[in-house]
């Protein structure tokens, strides 16, 4: 009798242990509990592997002062150049971003900017460098998940990963899809300055076994100011030769930040 009781208790202990490693979500999906380190490793492995990308986008931009929709050609030479051209009947802007600097001009407003990444900080509300901007466009974590210790939990139908010790400057949260380990959302919050950067990825394209965001929604807020940028990829090709012509016309007014 004692043996049967011990066996029964052992079986129940094993079952409970097994159950505790998985969570059944409201829609019936089963998500396996996983350490933040393992999730980070899988997320890094999901980084799109290509040399060049040539995409056509639909972009909607909205702020306190302006609302405009336009088409954008985006060309990426990975880790080297991000080239953008926005058009709405005429060329609205051109931009060339490298690890060293940001260059931008607008035939629409007859102005230009050439310098550090302060222009992107003004747009997004946080300091970003070239590689962090590239990560945002690729659906990857804006900050290195291996740079500090993180914790993980299951939230809804996804993993939530965040630093064990948040930065004094802002709080970071990453919501990661348990099926492909790409981002569903990343969030940067500074409560003291009433700043928030929310980047959501509702859908991905799977082309040539490369997962690339099909839709990206960027929302930056600071007190009473806001910037919303919605990106939709209409088409994209990888690993073709790219031409990235860029020259700031003479006579344009320099943007001072």
C-alpha atoms as a PDB file:
ATOM      1  CA  UNK A   1       0.000   0.000   0.000  1.00  0.00           C
ATOM      2  CA  UNK A   2       2.869   2.333   0.906  1.00  0.00           C
ATOM      3  CA  UNK A   3       4.552   1.599  -2.435  1.00  0.00           C
ATOM      4  CA  UNK A   4       1.356   2.453  -4.289  1.00  0.00           C
ATOM      5  CA  UNK A   5       1.008   5.699  -2.330  1.00  0.00           C
ATOM      6  CA  UNK A   6       4.635   6.686  -3.015  1.00  0.00           C
ATOM      7  CA  UNK A   7       4.230   5.851  -6.713  1.00  0.00           C
ATOM      8  CA  UNK A   8       1.028   7.910  -6.862  1.00  0.00           C
ATOM      9  CA  UNK A   9       2.736  10.895  -5.219  1.00  0.00           C
ATOM     10  CA  UNK A  10       5.743  10.638  -7.564  1.00  0.00           C
ATOM     11  CA  UNK A  11       3.520  10.501 -10.658  1.00  0.00           C
ATOM     12  CA  UNK A  12       1.591  13.577  -9.477  1.00  0.00           C
ATOM     13  CA  UNK A  13       4.832  15.408  -8.708  1.00  0.00           C
ATOM     14  CA  UNK A  14       6.116  14.705 -12.224  1.00  0.00           C
ATOM     15  CA  UNK A  15       2.832  15.809 -13.767  1.00  0.00           C
ATOM     16  CA  UNK A  16       2.785  19.022 -11.769  1.00  0.00           C
ATOM     17  CA  UNK A  17       6.410  19.703 -12.722  1.00  0.00           C
ATOM     18  CA  UNK A  18       5.647  19.132 -16.381  1.00  0.00           C
ATOM     19  CA  UNK A  19       2.591  21.338 -16.262  1.00  0.00           C
ATOM     20  CA  UNK A  20       4.549  24.143 -14.622  1.00  0.00           C
ATOM     21  CA  UNK A  21       6.918  24.353 -17.613  1.00  0.00           C
ATOM     22  CA  UNK A  22       4.050  25.244 -19.964  1.00  0.00           C
ATOM     23  CA  UNK A  23       1.148  27.648 -20.020  1.00  0.00           C
ATOM     24  CA  UNK A  24      -2.071  27.227 -21.982  1.00  0.00           C
ATOM     25  CA  UNK A  25      -3.261  30.586 -23.305  1.00  0.00           C
ATOM     26  CA  UNK A  26      -6.861  31.754 -23.670  1.00  0.00           C
ATOM     27  CA  UNK A  27      -6.955  30.705 -27.343  1.00  0.00           C
ATOM     28  CA  UNK A  28      -5.617  27.233 -26.525  1.00  0.00           C
ATOM     29  CA  UNK A  29      -1.993  27.728 -27.601  1.00  0.00           C
ATOM     30  CA  UNK A  30       0.659  26.145 -25.395  1.00  0.00           C
ATOM     31  CA  UNK A  31       3.674  28.314 -24.547  1.00  0.00           C
ATOM     32  CA  UNK A  32       6.715  26.739 -22.936  1.00  0.00           C
ATOM     33  CA  UNK A  33       8.284  28.595 -20.060  1.00  0.00           C
ATOM     34  CA  UNK A  34      11.771  29.666 -21.051  1.00  0.00           C
ATOM     35  CA  UNK A  35      14.593  31.671 -19.523  1.00  0.00           C
ATOM     36  CA  UNK A  36      15.231  35.182 -20.786  1.00  0.00           C
ATOM     37  CA  UNK A  37      18.681  34.049 -21.911  1.00  0.00           C
ATOM     38  CA  UNK A  38      17.252  31.327 -24.153  1.00  0.00           C
ATOM     39  CA  UNK A  39      14.602  33.656 -25.565  1.00  0.00           C
ATOM     40  CA  UNK A  40      17.284  36.263 -26.299  1.00  0.00           C
ATOM     41  CA  UNK A  41      19.396  33.642 -28.071  1.00  0.00           C
ATOM     42  CA  UNK A  42      16.470  32.566 -30.244  1.00  0.00           C
ATOM     43  CA  UNK A  43      15.520  36.187 -30.944  1.00  0.00           C
ATOM     44  CA  UNK A  44      19.077  36.943 -32.081  1.00  0.00           C
ATOM     45  CA  UNK A  45      19.019  33.844 -34.298  1.00  0.00           C
ATOM     46  CA  UNK A  46      15.841  35.213 -35.936  1.00  0.00           C
ATOM     47  CA  UNK A  47      17.700  38.326 -37.192  1.00  0.00           C
ATOM     48  CA  UNK A  48      17.062  38.629 -40.956  1.00  0.00           C
ATOM     49  CA  UNK A  49      20.083  37.242 -42.804  1.00  0.00           C
ATOM     50  CA  UNK A  50      20.722  39.272 -45.955  1.00  0.00           C
ATOM     51  CA  UNK A  51      23.324  41.558 -47.504  1.00  0.00           C
ATOM     52  CA  UNK A  52      20.974  44.033 -49.186  1.00  0.00           C
ATOM     53  CA  UNK A  53      17.250  44.792 -49.113  1.00  0.00           C
ATOM     54  CA  UNK A  54      15.267  46.858 -51.613  1.00  0.00           C
ATOM     55  CA  UNK A  55      11.735  47.667 -50.430  1.00  0.00           C
ATOM     56  CA  UNK A  56       8.754  49.802 -51.403  1.00  0.00           C
ATOM     57  CA  UNK A  57       6.752  51.113 -48.486  1.00  0.00           C
ATOM     58  CA  UNK A  58       3.552  52.964 -47.782  1.00  0.00           C
ATOM     59  CA  UNK A  59       4.095  55.450 -44.955  1.00  0.00           C
ATOM     60  CA  UNK A  60       1.634  57.487 -42.913  1.00  0.00           C
ATOM     61  CA  UNK A  61       3.152  60.205 -40.745  1.00  0.00           C
ATOM     62  CA  UNK A  62       1.248  62.203 -38.141  1.00  0.00           C
ATOM     63  CA  UNK A  63       2.362  64.681 -35.477  1.00  0.00           C
ATOM     64  CA  UNK A  64       0.950  67.670 -33.621  1.00  0.00           C
ATOM     65  CA  UNK A  65       1.833  69.869 -36.597  1.00  0.00           C
ATOM     66  CA  UNK A  66       1.551  67.683 -39.658  1.00  0.00           C
ATOM     67  CA  UNK A  67      -0.283  64.779 -41.260  1.00  0.00           C
ATOM     68  CA  UNK A  68       0.937  63.262 -44.518  1.00  0.00           C
ATOM     69  CA  UNK A  69       0.949  59.962 -46.381  1.00  0.00           C
ATOM     70  CA  UNK A  70       3.519  59.078 -49.010  1.00  0.00           C
ATOM     71  CA  UNK A  71       5.408  56.275 -50.717  1.00  0.00           C
ATOM     72  CA  UNK A  72       8.955  55.409 -49.673  1.00  0.00           C
ATOM     73  CA  UNK A  73      11.714  53.491 -51.363  1.00  0.00           C
ATOM     74  CA  UNK A  74      13.966  51.971 -48.721  1.00  0.00           C
ATOM     75  CA  UNK A  75      17.307  50.401 -49.509  1.00  0.00           C
ATOM     76  CA  UNK A  76      19.462  48.755 -46.876  1.00  0.00           C
ATOM     77  CA  UNK A  77      23.046  47.621 -47.204  1.00  0.00           C
ATOM     78  CA  UNK A  78      23.172  45.752 -43.947  1.00  0.00           C
ATOM     79  CA  UNK A  79      25.355  47.316 -41.260  1.00  0.00           C
ATOM     80  CA  UNK A  80      26.519  50.010 -43.728  1.00  0.00           C
ATOM     81  CA  UNK A  81      23.779  52.209 -45.230  1.00  0.00           C
ATOM     82  CA  UNK A  82      20.048  52.890 -44.919  1.00  0.00           C
ATOM     83  CA  UNK A  83      18.795  54.928 -47.898  1.00  0.00           C
ATOM     84  CA  UNK A  84      15.289  56.409 -48.067  1.00  0.00           C
ATOM     85  CA  UNK A  85      13.342  58.323 -50.687  1.00  0.00           C
ATOM     86  CA  UNK A  86       9.845  59.585 -49.953  1.00  0.00           C
ATOM     87  CA  UNK A  87       7.528  60.670 -52.762  1.00  0.00           C
ATOM     88  CA  UNK A  88       4.047  62.166 -53.072  1.00  0.00           C
ATOM     89  CA  UNK A  89       3.813  63.107 -56.755  1.00  0.00           C
ATOM     90  CA  UNK A  90       7.163  64.850 -56.158  1.00  0.00           C
ATOM     91  CA  UNK A  91      10.118  63.859 -53.974  1.00  0.00           C
ATOM     92  CA  UNK A  92       9.218  64.751 -50.382  1.00  0.00           C
ATOM     93  CA  UNK A  93      12.588  63.836 -48.882  1.00  0.00           C
ATOM     94  CA  UNK A  94      15.762  61.824 -49.292  1.00  0.00           C
ATOM     95  CA  UNK A  95      17.874  60.416 -46.496  1.00  0.00           C
ATOM     96  CA  UNK A  96      21.124  58.522 -46.240  1.00  0.00           C
ATOM     97  CA  UNK A  97      22.054  57.084 -42.865  1.00  0.00           C
ATOM     98  CA  UNK A  98      25.394  55.445 -42.078  1.00  0.00           C
ATOM     99  CA  UNK A  99      27.028  54.455 -38.774  1.00  0.00           C
ATOM    100  CA  UNK A 100      28.842  57.807 -38.880  1.00  0.00           C
ATOM    101  CA  UNK A 101      26.101  60.323 -39.681  1.00  0.00           C
ATOM    102  CA  UNK A 102      22.583  61.193 -40.807  1.00  0.00           C
ATOM    103  CA  UNK A 103      22.100  63.100 -44.074  1.00  0.00           C
ATOM    104  CA  UNK A 104      18.656  64.358 -45.067  1.00  0.00           C
ATOM    105  CA  UNK A 105      17.118  66.884 -47.435  1.00  0.00           C
ATOM    106  CA  UNK A 106      13.614  67.850 -48.496  1.00  0.00           C
ATOM    107  CA  UNK A 107      12.789  69.362 -51.919  1.00  0.00           C
ATOM    108  CA  UNK A 108       9.296  69.789 -50.431  1.00  0.00           C
ATOM    109  CA  UNK A 109      10.517  72.157 -47.692  1.00  0.00           C
ATOM    110  CA  UNK A 110      13.820  73.219 -49.297  1.00  0.00           C
ATOM    111  CA  UNK A 111      15.836  72.305 -46.210  1.00  0.00           C
ATOM    112  CA  UNK A 112      18.489  69.802 -45.189  1.00  0.00           C
ATOM    113  CA  UNK A 113      20.243  68.235 -42.210  1.00  0.00           C
ATOM    114  CA  UNK A 114      23.662  66.659 -42.028  1.00  0.00           C
ATOM    115  CA  UNK A 115      25.213  65.592 -38.771  1.00  0.00           C
ATOM    116  CA  UNK A 116      24.849  63.222 -35.836  1.00  0.00           C
ATOM    117  CA  UNK A 117      21.821  61.186 -34.763  1.00  0.00           C
ATOM    118  CA  UNK A 118      20.140  64.048 -32.890  1.00  0.00           C
ATOM    119  CA  UNK A 119      17.563  64.299 -35.685  1.00  0.00           C
ATOM    120  CA  UNK A 120      16.439  60.731 -34.973  1.00  0.00           C
ATOM    121  CA  UNK A 121      16.336  61.470 -31.247  1.00  0.00           C
ATOM    122  CA  UNK A 122      14.010  64.382 -31.969  1.00  0.00           C
ATOM    123  CA  UNK A 123      11.814  62.099 -34.073  1.00  0.00           C
ATOM    124  CA  UNK A 124      11.757  59.046 -31.762  1.00  0.00           C
ATOM    125  CA  UNK A 125      12.379  60.610 -28.363  1.00  0.00           C
ATOM    126  CA  UNK A 126      15.378  58.403 -27.471  1.00  0.00           C
ATOM    127  CA  UNK A 127      19.042  58.261 -28.413  1.00  0.00           C
ATOM    128  CA  UNK A 128      19.561  55.704 -31.181  1.00  0.00           C
ATOM    129  CA  UNK A 129      22.580  54.886 -33.296  1.00  0.00           C
ATOM    130  CA  UNK A 130      22.677  53.386 -36.775  1.00  0.00           C
ATOM    131  CA  UNK A 131      22.529  49.775 -35.621  1.00  0.00           C
ATOM    132  CA  UNK A 132      19.629  50.423 -33.252  1.00  0.00           C
ATOM    133  CA  UNK A 133      17.677  52.127 -36.038  1.00  0.00           C
ATOM    134  CA  UNK A 134      18.439  49.157 -38.286  1.00  0.00           C
ATOM    135  CA  UNK A 135      17.150  46.808 -35.578  1.00  0.00           C
ATOM    136  CA  UNK A 136      13.904  48.792 -35.352  1.00  0.00           C
ATOM    137  CA  UNK A 137      13.391  48.389 -39.103  1.00  0.00           C
ATOM    138  CA  UNK A 138      14.207  44.653 -38.973  1.00  0.00           C
ATOM    139  CA  UNK A 139      11.926  43.810 -36.041  1.00  0.00           C
ATOM    140  CA  UNK A 140      14.804  43.230 -33.614  1.00  0.00           C
ATOM    141  CA  UNK A 141      15.340  44.497 -30.066  1.00  0.00           C
ATOM    142  CA  UNK A 142      16.526  48.100 -30.118  1.00  0.00           C
ATOM    143  CA  UNK A 143      18.996  47.389 -27.295  1.00  0.00           C
ATOM    144  CA  UNK A 144      21.258  44.348 -26.904  1.00  0.00           C
ATOM    145  CA  UNK A 145      19.446  41.670 -24.909  1.00  0.00           C
ATOM    146  CA  UNK A 146      22.805  40.169 -23.921  1.00  0.00           C
ATOM    147  CA  UNK A 147      24.203  43.422 -22.533  1.00  0.00           C
ATOM    148  CA  UNK A 148      22.591  42.891 -19.120  1.00  0.00           C
ATOM    149  CA  UNK A 149      20.617  40.282 -17.203  1.00  0.00           C
ATOM    150  CA  UNK A 150      16.962  40.025 -18.147  1.00  0.00           C
ATOM    151  CA  UNK A 151      13.943  38.241 -16.771  1.00  0.00           C
ATOM    152  CA  UNK A 152      11.106  36.639 -18.704  1.00  0.00           C
ATOM    153  CA  UNK A 153       7.465  35.795 -18.143  1.00  0.00           C
ATOM    154  CA  UNK A 154       4.511  34.694 -20.204  1.00  0.00           C
ATOM    155  CA  UNK A 155       2.100  37.525 -20.823  1.00  0.00           C
ATOM    156  CA  UNK A 156      -1.021  36.695 -22.795  1.00  0.00           C
ATOM    157  CA  UNK A 157       0.116  34.756 -25.870  1.00  0.00           C
ATOM    158  CA  UNK A 158       3.712  35.975 -25.887  1.00  0.00           C
ATOM    159  CA  UNK A 159       6.915  36.245 -23.896  1.00  0.00           C
ATOM    160  CA  UNK A 160       7.658  39.469 -22.062  1.00  0.00           C
ATOM    161  CA  UNK A 161      11.360  40.109 -21.524  1.00  0.00           C
ATOM    162  CA  UNK A 162      12.787  43.034 -19.570  1.00  0.00           C
ATOM    163  CA  UNK A 163      15.968  43.931 -17.640  1.00  0.00           C
ATOM    164  CA  UNK A 164      16.185  42.649 -14.081  1.00  0.00           C
ATOM    165  CA  UNK A 165      17.418  46.116 -13.178  1.00  0.00           C
ATOM    166  CA  UNK A 166      15.849  48.793 -15.338  1.00  0.00           C
ATOM    167  CA  UNK A 167      17.964  51.760 -16.405  1.00  0.00           C
ATOM    168  CA  UNK A 168      17.640  54.971 -14.341  1.00  0.00           C
ATOM    169  CA  UNK A 169      16.804  56.732 -17.627  1.00  0.00           C
ATOM    170  CA  UNK A 170      13.967  54.519 -18.881  1.00  0.00           C
ATOM    171  CA  UNK A 171      12.179  51.176 -18.591  1.00  0.00           C
ATOM    172  CA  UNK A 172      12.409  48.603 -21.385  1.00  0.00           C
ATOM    173  CA  UNK A 173       9.937  45.870 -22.309  1.00  0.00           C
ATOM    174  CA  UNK A 174      10.044  43.404 -25.214  1.00  0.00           C
ATOM    175  CA  UNK A 175       7.059  41.276 -26.251  1.00  0.00           C
ATOM    176  CA  UNK A 176       8.311  38.325 -28.279  1.00  0.00           C
ATOM    177  CA  UNK A 177       6.339  35.886 -30.415  1.00  0.00           C
ATOM    178  CA  UNK A 178       6.850  32.297 -29.114  1.00  0.00           C
ATOM    179  CA  UNK A 179       6.469  30.828 -32.620  1.00  0.00           C
ATOM    180  CA  UNK A 180       9.140  32.751 -34.535  1.00  0.00           C
ATOM    181  CA  UNK A 181      10.891  34.682 -31.725  1.00  0.00           C
ATOM    182  CA  UNK A 182      10.431  37.959 -33.567  1.00  0.00           C
ATOM    183  CA  UNK A 183       9.172  41.038 -31.757  1.00  0.00           C
ATOM    184  CA  UNK A 184       5.469  41.689 -31.440  1.00  0.00           C
ATOM    185  CA  UNK A 185       6.269  44.935 -29.663  1.00  0.00           C
ATOM    186  CA  UNK A 186       9.027  46.858 -27.927  1.00  0.00           C
ATOM    187  CA  UNK A 187       8.422  49.612 -25.434  1.00  0.00           C
ATOM    188  CA  UNK A 188      10.702  52.315 -23.982  1.00  0.00           C
ATOM    189  CA  UNK A 189       9.163  54.340 -21.139  1.00  0.00           C
ATOM    190  CA  UNK A 190      10.423  57.327 -19.158  1.00  0.00           C
ATOM    191  CA  UNK A 191       7.751  58.190 -16.603  1.00  0.00           C
ATOM    192  CA  UNK A 192       9.583  61.215 -15.195  1.00  0.00           C
ATOM    193  CA  UNK A 193       9.739  62.956 -18.578  1.00  0.00           C
ATOM    194  CA  UNK A 194       6.396  61.511 -19.675  1.00  0.00           C
ATOM    195  CA  UNK A 195       8.096  59.938 -22.687  1.00  0.00           C
ATOM    196  CA  UNK A 196       7.134  56.684 -24.381  1.00  0.00           C
ATOM    197  CA  UNK A 197       8.313  54.986 -27.539  1.00  0.00           C
ATOM    198  CA  UNK A 198       6.097  52.107 -28.637  1.00  0.00           C
ATOM    199  CA  UNK A 199       7.020  50.035 -31.701  1.00  0.00           C
ATOM    200  CA  UNK A 200       4.542  47.343 -32.754  1.00  0.00           C
ATOM    201  CA  UNK A 201       4.949  44.649 -35.420  1.00  0.00           C
ATOM    202  CA  UNK A 202       1.508  43.198 -36.238  1.00  0.00           C
ATOM    203  CA  UNK A 203       2.661  41.133 -39.231  1.00  0.00           C
ATOM    204  CA  UNK A 204       5.817  39.752 -40.881  1.00  0.00           C
ATOM    205  CA  UNK A 205       6.679  38.787 -44.446  1.00  0.00           C
ATOM    206  CA  UNK A 206       8.384  35.428 -44.956  1.00  0.00           C
ATOM    207  CA  UNK A 207      10.380  35.666 -48.175  1.00  0.00           C
ATOM    208  CA  UNK A 208      13.267  33.369 -49.032  1.00  0.00           C
ATOM    209  CA  UNK A 209      13.151  32.179 -45.416  1.00  0.00           C
ATOM    210  CA  UNK A 210      13.762  35.750 -44.250  1.00  0.00           C
ATOM    211  CA  UNK A 211      11.268  37.195 -41.772  1.00  0.00           C
ATOM    212  CA  UNK A 212      10.861  40.940 -42.313  1.00  0.00           C
ATOM    213  CA  UNK A 213       8.231  43.251 -40.764  1.00  0.00           C
ATOM    214  CA  UNK A 214       5.315  43.754 -43.155  1.00  0.00           C
ATOM    215  CA  UNK A 215       3.731  46.378 -40.927  1.00  0.00           C
ATOM    216  CA  UNK A 216       5.387  48.532 -38.283  1.00  0.00           C
ATOM    217  CA  UNK A 217       3.679  51.091 -36.074  1.00  0.00           C
ATOM    218  CA  UNK A 218       5.928  53.612 -34.306  1.00  0.00           C
ATOM    219  CA  UNK A 219       4.385  55.875 -31.681  1.00  0.00           C
ATOM    220  CA  UNK A 220       6.513  58.405 -29.815  1.00  0.00           C
ATOM    221  CA  UNK A 221       4.995  60.646 -27.150  1.00  0.00           C
ATOM    222  CA  UNK A 222       6.429  63.305 -24.853  1.00  0.00           C
ATOM    223  CA  UNK A 223       3.988  65.158 -22.613  1.00  0.00           C
ATOM    224  CA  UNK A 224       1.636  66.863 -25.107  1.00  0.00           C
ATOM    225  CA  UNK A 225       3.719  66.081 -28.208  1.00  0.00           C
ATOM    226  CA  UNK A 226       3.339  62.971 -30.350  1.00  0.00           C
ATOM    227  CA  UNK A 227       4.698  61.389 -33.529  1.00  0.00           C
ATOM    228  CA  UNK A 228       3.026  58.414 -35.220  1.00  0.00           C
ATOM    229  CA  UNK A 229       4.682  56.617 -38.132  1.00  0.00           C
ATOM    230  CA  UNK A 230       2.982  53.625 -39.758  1.00  0.00           C
ATOM    231  CA  UNK A 231       5.030  51.601 -42.264  1.00  0.00           C
ATOM    232  CA  UNK A 232       3.616  48.966 -44.630  1.00  0.00           C
ATOM    233  CA  UNK A 233       5.888  46.994 -46.950  1.00  0.00           C
ATOM    234  CA  UNK A 234       4.369  46.670 -50.411  1.00  0.00           C
ATOM    235  CA  UNK A 235       7.252  44.699 -51.906  1.00  0.00           C
ATOM    236  CA  UNK A 236      10.791  43.686 -50.989  1.00  0.00           C
ATOM    237  CA  UNK A 237      13.692  41.881 -52.657  1.00  0.00           C
ATOM    238  CA  UNK A 238      16.925  40.754 -51.073  1.00  0.00           C
ATOM    239  CA  UNK A 239      20.558  40.460 -52.101  1.00  0.00           C
ATOM    240  CA  UNK A 240      20.492  42.446 -55.332  1.00  0.00           C
ATOM    241  CA  UNK A 241      22.903  45.191 -56.397  1.00  0.00           C
ATOM    242  CA  UNK A 242      21.746  48.591 -55.178  1.00  0.00           C
ATOM    243  CA  UNK A 243      22.130  52.153 -56.419  1.00  0.00           C
ATOM    244  CA  UNK A 244      21.866  54.817 -53.683  1.00  0.00           C
ATOM    245  CA  UNK A 245      22.315  58.264 -55.290  1.00  0.00           C
ATOM    246  CA  UNK A 246      22.421  61.100 -52.765  1.00  0.00           C
ATOM    247  CA  UNK A 247      23.520  64.735 -53.034  1.00  0.00           C
ATOM    248  CA  UNK A 248      22.209  67.683 -51.052  1.00  0.00           C
ATOM    249  CA  UNK A 249      21.229  70.479 -53.497  1.00  0.00           C
ATOM    250  CA  UNK A 250      22.786  73.903 -53.058  1.00  0.00           C
ATOM    251  CA  UNK A 251      20.654  76.741 -51.723  1.00  0.00           C
ATOM    252  CA  UNK A 252      18.700  74.677 -49.190  1.00  0.00           C
ATOM    253  CA  UNK A 253      18.289  75.949 -45.617  1.00  0.00           C
ATOM    254  CA  UNK A 254      20.086  73.951 -42.924  1.00  0.00           C
ATOM    255  CA  UNK A 255      17.920  72.477 -40.169  1.00  0.00           C
ATOM    256  CA  UNK A 256      19.208  73.506 -36.722  1.00  0.00           C
ATOM    257  CA  UNK A 257      18.393  71.186 -33.844  1.00  0.00           C
END
